[in-house]
Amino acid sequence: MAAFGEDFSEKKVCGKSSLAVDFYFPEEATIVEVALGLPNPASEFEKDVLKAIMGQECGYAIKRLYFISRPGALKKCNQPGRTAVRKWAESKHGLSIEVHDLDGPPRRRKKQLQSKQNESHGGRAAQRPEGHRFRRTWNPVSS
């Protein structure tokens, strides 16, 4: 905070709602979101775009939404669905959206790890240890 002179974090720019952006820099008309889940299929991308547009409609100067995320976010955000959202936000609301990956290798997802394990077992799922039982889950229909 000393570097900036004031606290720019967790700014509520969306009117009376409790929605807040990670950082809002009014002099640059920029929102910065630390969105580590962007490489995932279901992430906060669309919600963060909506918060920026809501902020514009509430009178805040917002021209740029800047995402910081894990490696793989830029690739994910260049897919057709998110690209369409980015183009729409730019053309209809003048909102420029930038995505920046942190350094390092992309995180391996559980699905990728399971696939590799299956390959190492000749295409079969790994064998369960002797005496292993499946954990029973609650079923509201049978209760």
Protein backbone atom coordinates (compact mmCIF):
# COMPACT_ATOMS: atom_id res chain seq x y z
CA MET A 1 0.00 0.00 0.00
CA ALA A 2 2.90 2.35 0.71
CA ALA A 3 3.99 2.07 -2.94
CA PHE A 4 0.63 3.35 -4.19
CA GLY A 5 -0.28 5.78 -1.43
CA GLU A 6 -3.77 4.30 -1.03
CA ASP A 7 -5.52 0.93 -0.97
CA PHE A 8 -6.76 -0.11 -4.42
CA SER A 9 -7.76 -3.65 -3.40
CA GLU A 10 -11.22 -5.20 -3.11
CA LYS A 11 -13.03 -2.22 -4.60
CA LYS A 12 -16.81 -2.43 -4.77
CA VAL A 13 -17.51 -0.84 -8.14
CA CYS A 14 -20.77 -2.68 -8.85
CA GLY A 15 -23.26 -0.40 -7.14
CA LYS A 16 -25.08 -1.68 -4.06
CA SER A 17 -24.12 -5.31 -4.65
CA SER A 18 -21.39 -6.92 -2.58
CA LEU A 19 -19.41 -7.77 -5.75
CA ALA A 20 -15.86 -6.44 -5.64
CA VAL A 21 -12.92 -6.46 -8.03
CA ASP A 22 -9.47 -7.49 -6.82
CA PHE A 23 -7.89 -4.13 -7.70
CA TYR A 24 -9.23 -0.95 -9.31
CA PHE A 25 -6.86 1.79 -10.45
CA PRO A 26 -9.03 4.80 -11.37
CA GLU A 27 -6.20 6.87 -12.90
CA GLU A 28 -5.55 4.07 -15.42
CA ALA A 29 -9.27 3.14 -15.69
CA THR A 30 -8.09 -0.43 -15.08
CA ILE A 31 -9.33 -3.42 -13.10
CA VAL A 32 -6.77 -6.10 -12.22
CA GLU A 33 -8.08 -9.55 -11.36
CA VAL A 34 -5.85 -12.28 -9.95
CA ALA A 35 -7.76 -15.20 -11.41
CA LEU A 36 -5.73 -18.35 -10.87
CA GLY A 37 -8.59 -20.54 -12.08
CA LEU A 38 -8.68 -19.15 -15.64
CA PRO A 39 -7.06 -22.23 -17.21
CA ASN A 40 -9.98 -24.33 -15.91
CA PRO A 41 -13.11 -24.92 -18.03
CA ALA A 42 -15.37 -23.31 -15.43
CA SER A 43 -13.78 -20.14 -14.13
CA GLU A 44 -14.58 -16.63 -12.99
CA PHE A 45 -13.78 -15.11 -16.42
CA GLU A 46 -17.34 -14.18 -17.42
CA LYS A 47 -18.23 -12.99 -13.90
CA ASP A 48 -15.21 -10.69 -13.86
CA VAL A 49 -16.15 -9.26 -17.26
CA LEU A 50 -19.66 -8.64 -15.94
CA LYS A 51 -18.29 -6.87 -12.85
CA ALA A 52 -16.27 -4.54 -15.08
CA ILE A 53 -19.32 -3.71 -17.21
CA MET A 54 -21.45 -3.18 -14.09
CA GLY A 55 -18.77 -0.82 -12.82
CA GLN A 56 -18.94 1.15 -16.06
CA GLU A 57 -22.72 1.43 -15.73
CA CYS A 58 -22.32 2.66 -12.14
CA GLY A 59 -20.19 5.54 -13.39
CA TYR A 60 -16.67 4.24 -12.81
CA ALA A 61 -14.07 4.88 -15.49
CA ILE A 62 -13.19 1.34 -16.61
CA LYS A 63 -11.54 0.78 -19.97
CA ARG A 64 -9.32 -2.20 -19.27
CA LEU A 65 -9.66 -5.54 -17.49
CA TYR A 66 -6.30 -7.14 -16.81
CA PHE A 67 -6.19 -10.80 -15.73
CA ILE A 68 -3.19 -12.39 -14.01
CA SER A 69 -3.36 -16.18 -13.91
CA ARG A 70 -1.51 -19.48 -13.89
CA PRO A 71 0.19 -20.71 -17.06
CA GLY A 72 -2.36 -21.92 -19.59
CA ALA A 73 -4.86 -19.10 -19.03
CA LEU A 74 -3.98 -17.24 -22.22
CA LYS A 75 -4.42 -20.40 -24.27
CA LYS A 76 -7.79 -21.11 -22.61
CA CYS A 77 -8.97 -17.52 -23.09
CA ASN A 78 -8.14 -17.69 -26.80
CA GLN A 79 -10.72 -20.45 -27.30
CA PRO A 80 -13.89 -19.51 -29.23
CA GLY A 81 -16.28 -18.96 -26.29
CA ARG A 82 -14.07 -16.62 -24.31
CA THR A 83 -12.84 -14.91 -27.47
CA ALA A 84 -16.46 -14.10 -28.33
CA VAL A 85 -16.97 -12.57 -24.86
CA ARG A 86 -13.79 -10.51 -25.25
CA LYS A 87 -14.84 -9.20 -28.68
CA TRP A 88 -18.35 -8.40 -27.43
CA ALA A 89 -17.03 -6.52 -24.37
CA GLU A 90 -14.69 -4.51 -26.61
CA SER A 91 -17.26 -3.66 -29.29
CA LYS A 92 -20.29 -2.97 -27.07
CA HIS A 93 -18.66 -1.58 -23.93
CA GLY A 94 -15.20 -0.35 -24.99
CA LEU A 95 -13.64 -2.78 -22.51
CA SER A 96 -10.20 -4.09 -23.44
CA ILE A 97 -9.46 -7.48 -21.86
CA GLU A 98 -5.88 -8.68 -21.41
CA VAL A 99 -4.80 -12.05 -20.04
CA HIS A 100 -1.29 -12.62 -18.71
CA ASP A 101 0.17 -15.96 -17.62
CA LEU A 102 2.51 -16.18 -14.67
CA ASP A 103 5.85 -17.83 -15.39
CA GLY A 104 6.26 -21.58 -15.01
CA PRO A 105 4.84 -24.77 -16.46
CA PRO A 106 1.06 -25.27 -16.70
CA ARG A 107 -0.42 -27.12 -13.75
CA ARG A 108 -1.40 -30.70 -14.50
CA ARG A 109 -5.06 -31.39 -13.94
CA LYS A 110 -6.28 -34.53 -12.17
CA LYS A 111 -7.81 -35.82 -15.40
CA GLN A 112 -4.43 -35.59 -17.14
CA LEU A 113 -2.73 -37.39 -14.25
CA GLN A 114 -5.34 -40.20 -14.28
CA SER A 115 -4.89 -40.61 -18.02
CA LYS A 116 -1.12 -40.98 -17.58
CA GLN A 117 -1.64 -43.54 -14.80
CA ASN A 118 -3.97 -45.57 -17.01
CA GLU A 119 -1.38 -45.53 -19.80
CA SER A 120 1.27 -46.86 -17.40
CA HIS A 121 -1.03 -49.80 -16.55
CA GLY A 122 -1.50 -50.85 -20.15
CA GLY A 123 -4.75 -48.93 -20.60
CA ARG A 124 -6.33 -50.48 -17.49
CA ALA A 125 -7.22 -48.54 -14.40
CA ALA A 126 -4.86 -49.06 -11.49
CA GLN A 127 -5.76 -52.07 -9.31
CA ARG A 128 -7.15 -51.31 -5.86
CA PRO A 129 -5.23 -52.65 -2.88
CA GLU A 130 -6.42 -55.88 -1.26
CA GLY A 131 -9.33 -55.26 1.10
CA HIS A 132 -10.08 -51.81 -0.31
CA ARG A 133 -13.75 -50.87 -0.13
CA PHE A 134 -15.54 -48.15 -1.99
CA ARG A 135 -16.67 -45.32 0.22
CA ARG A 136 -20.43 -45.17 0.51
CA THR A 137 -21.99 -41.82 -0.26
CA TRP A 138 -25.26 -40.40 0.96
CA ASN A 139 -28.19 -40.87 -1.41
CA PRO A 140 -31.15 -38.58 -0.58
CA VAL A 141 -33.58 -40.83 -2.50
CA SER A 142 -32.88 -43.92 -0.40
CA SER A 143 -32.80 -42.10 2.97
